Amino acid sequence: MNHHLREIADCLDEALRLQSRVMDLTEQVYEAAGMSPGDRTLRGKVTGLFFGLQAHLEELNRLAQDDA
């Protein structure tokens, strides 16, 4: 079960890196399309997507720790 905990931690780290990349890319595309890259709605969408993923990984982490 210990390998599951490592994998979950790796996924959380990767999700945070990906969130940053997605936000940067989204801002660049919005700006190139003539839209406001600082739109709060935009940030909310990206943050919401990754918040759901993070919550799921944290639940997996809790389950894996309970079984360890």
C-alpha atoms as a PDB file:
ATOM      1  CA  MET A   1       0.000   0.000   0.000  1.00  0.00           C
ATOM      2  CA  ASN A   2       3.005   2.276   0.536  1.00  0.00           C
ATOM      3  CA  HIS A   3       3.526   2.492  -3.229  1.00  0.00           C
ATOM      4  CA  HIS A   4      -0.040   3.814  -3.552  1.00  0.00           C
ATOM      5  CA  LEU A   5       0.751   6.648  -1.160  1.00  0.00           C
ATOM      6  CA  ARG A   6       3.829   7.595  -3.209  1.00  0.00           C
ATOM      7  CA  GLU A   7       1.832   7.481  -6.447  1.00  0.00           C
ATOM      8  CA  ILE A   8      -0.905   9.672  -4.963  1.00  0.00           C
ATOM      9  CA  ALA A   9       1.682  12.211  -3.748  1.00  0.00           C
ATOM     10  CA  ASP A  10       3.272  12.229  -7.202  1.00  0.00           C
ATOM     11  CA  CYS A  11      -0.132  12.797  -8.809  1.00  0.00           C
ATOM     12  CA  LEU A  12      -0.849  15.715  -6.477  1.00  0.00           C
ATOM     13  CA  ASP A  13       2.493  17.321  -7.366  1.00  0.00           C
ATOM     14  CA  GLU A  14       1.880  16.763 -11.059  1.00  0.00           C
ATOM     15  CA  ALA A  15      -1.651  18.193 -10.815  1.00  0.00           C
ATOM     16  CA  LEU A  16      -0.303  21.402  -9.270  1.00  0.00           C
ATOM     17  CA  ARG A  17       2.277  21.759 -12.033  1.00  0.00           C
ATOM     18  CA  LEU A  18      -0.354  21.065 -14.670  1.00  0.00           C
ATOM     19  CA  GLN A  19      -2.738  23.606 -13.143  1.00  0.00           C
ATOM     20  CA  SER A  20      -0.065  26.274 -13.482  1.00  0.00           C
ATOM     21  CA  ARG A  21       0.654  25.292 -17.101  1.00  0.00           C
ATOM     22  CA  VAL A  22      -3.041  25.243 -18.006  1.00  0.00           C
ATOM     23  CA  MET A  23      -3.588  28.673 -16.425  1.00  0.00           C
ATOM     24  CA  ASP A  24      -0.589  30.154 -18.251  1.00  0.00           C
ATOM     25  CA  LEU A  25      -1.662  28.681 -21.579  1.00  0.00           C
ATOM     26  CA  THR A  26      -5.263  29.748 -21.112  1.00  0.00           C
ATOM     27  CA  GLU A  27      -4.213  33.325 -20.334  1.00  0.00           C
ATOM     28  CA  GLN A  28      -1.990  33.366 -23.433  1.00  0.00           C
ATOM     29  CA  VAL A  29      -4.764  32.070 -25.701  1.00  0.00           C
ATOM     30  CA  TYR A  30      -7.334  34.487 -24.218  1.00  0.00           C
ATOM     31  CA  GLU A  31      -4.932  37.386 -24.738  1.00  0.00           C
ATOM     32  CA  ALA A  32      -4.169  36.305 -28.323  1.00  0.00           C
ATOM     33  CA  ALA A  33      -7.919  36.148 -28.999  1.00  0.00           C
ATOM     34  CA  GLY A  34      -8.332  39.710 -27.702  1.00  0.00           C
ATOM     35  CA  MET A  35     -10.030  38.683 -24.470  1.00  0.00           C
ATOM     36  CA  SER A  36      -9.077  39.764 -20.976  1.00  0.00           C
ATOM     37  CA  PRO A  37      -6.562  37.209 -19.624  1.00  0.00           C
ATOM     38  CA  GLY A  38      -7.187  38.299 -16.022  1.00  0.00           C
ATOM     39  CA  ASP A  39     -10.880  37.383 -16.083  1.00  0.00           C
ATOM     40  CA  ARG A  40     -11.899  35.963 -12.695  1.00  0.00           C
ATOM     41  CA  THR A  41     -14.326  33.564 -14.371  1.00  0.00           C
ATOM     42  CA  LEU A  42     -11.403  32.051 -16.248  1.00  0.00           C
ATOM     43  CA  ARG A  43      -9.406  31.539 -13.057  1.00  0.00           C
ATOM     44  CA  GLY A  44     -12.462  30.032 -11.366  1.00  0.00           C
ATOM     45  CA  LYS A  45     -12.945  27.480 -14.136  1.00  0.00           C
ATOM     46  CA  VAL A  46      -9.351  26.274 -14.061  1.00  0.00           C
ATOM     47  CA  THR A  47      -9.165  26.305 -10.262  1.00  0.00           C
ATOM     48  CA  GLY A  48     -12.465  24.415 -10.008  1.00  0.00           C
ATOM     49  CA  LEU A  49     -11.288  21.687 -12.351  1.00  0.00           C
ATOM     50  CA  PHE A  50      -8.144  21.075 -10.361  1.00  0.00           C
ATOM     51  CA  PHE A  51      -9.833  21.457  -6.978  1.00  0.00           C
ATOM     52  CA  GLY A  52     -12.047  18.491  -7.892  1.00  0.00           C
ATOM     53  CA  LEU A  53      -9.026  16.443  -8.918  1.00  0.00           C
ATOM     54  CA  GLN A  54      -7.166  17.366  -5.735  1.00  0.00           C
ATOM     55  CA  ALA A  55     -10.169  16.430  -3.580  1.00  0.00           C
ATOM     56  CA  HIS A  56     -10.389  13.047  -5.283  1.00  0.00           C
ATOM     57  CA  LEU A  57      -6.668  12.356  -4.787  1.00  0.00           C
ATOM     58  CA  GLU A  58      -6.909  13.362  -1.128  1.00  0.00           C
ATOM     59  CA  GLU A  59      -9.787  10.904  -0.685  1.00  0.00           C
ATOM     60  CA  LEU A  60      -7.667   8.173  -2.283  1.00  0.00           C
ATOM     61  CA  ASN A  61      -4.850   9.118   0.065  1.00  0.00           C
ATOM     62  CA  ARG A  62      -7.147   8.806   3.061  1.00  0.00           C
ATOM     63  CA  LEU A  63      -8.369   5.384   1.900  1.00  0.00           C
ATOM     64  CA  ALA A  64      -4.821   4.181   1.257  1.00  0.00           C
ATOM     65  CA  GLN A  65      -3.696   5.345   4.709  1.00  0.00           C
ATOM     66  CA  ASP A  66      -6.648   3.592   6.348  1.00  0.00           C
ATOM     67  CA  ASP A  67      -5.566   0.322   4.702  1.00  0.00           C
ATOM     68  CA  ALA A  68      -1.882   0.769   5.602  1.00  0.00           C
END
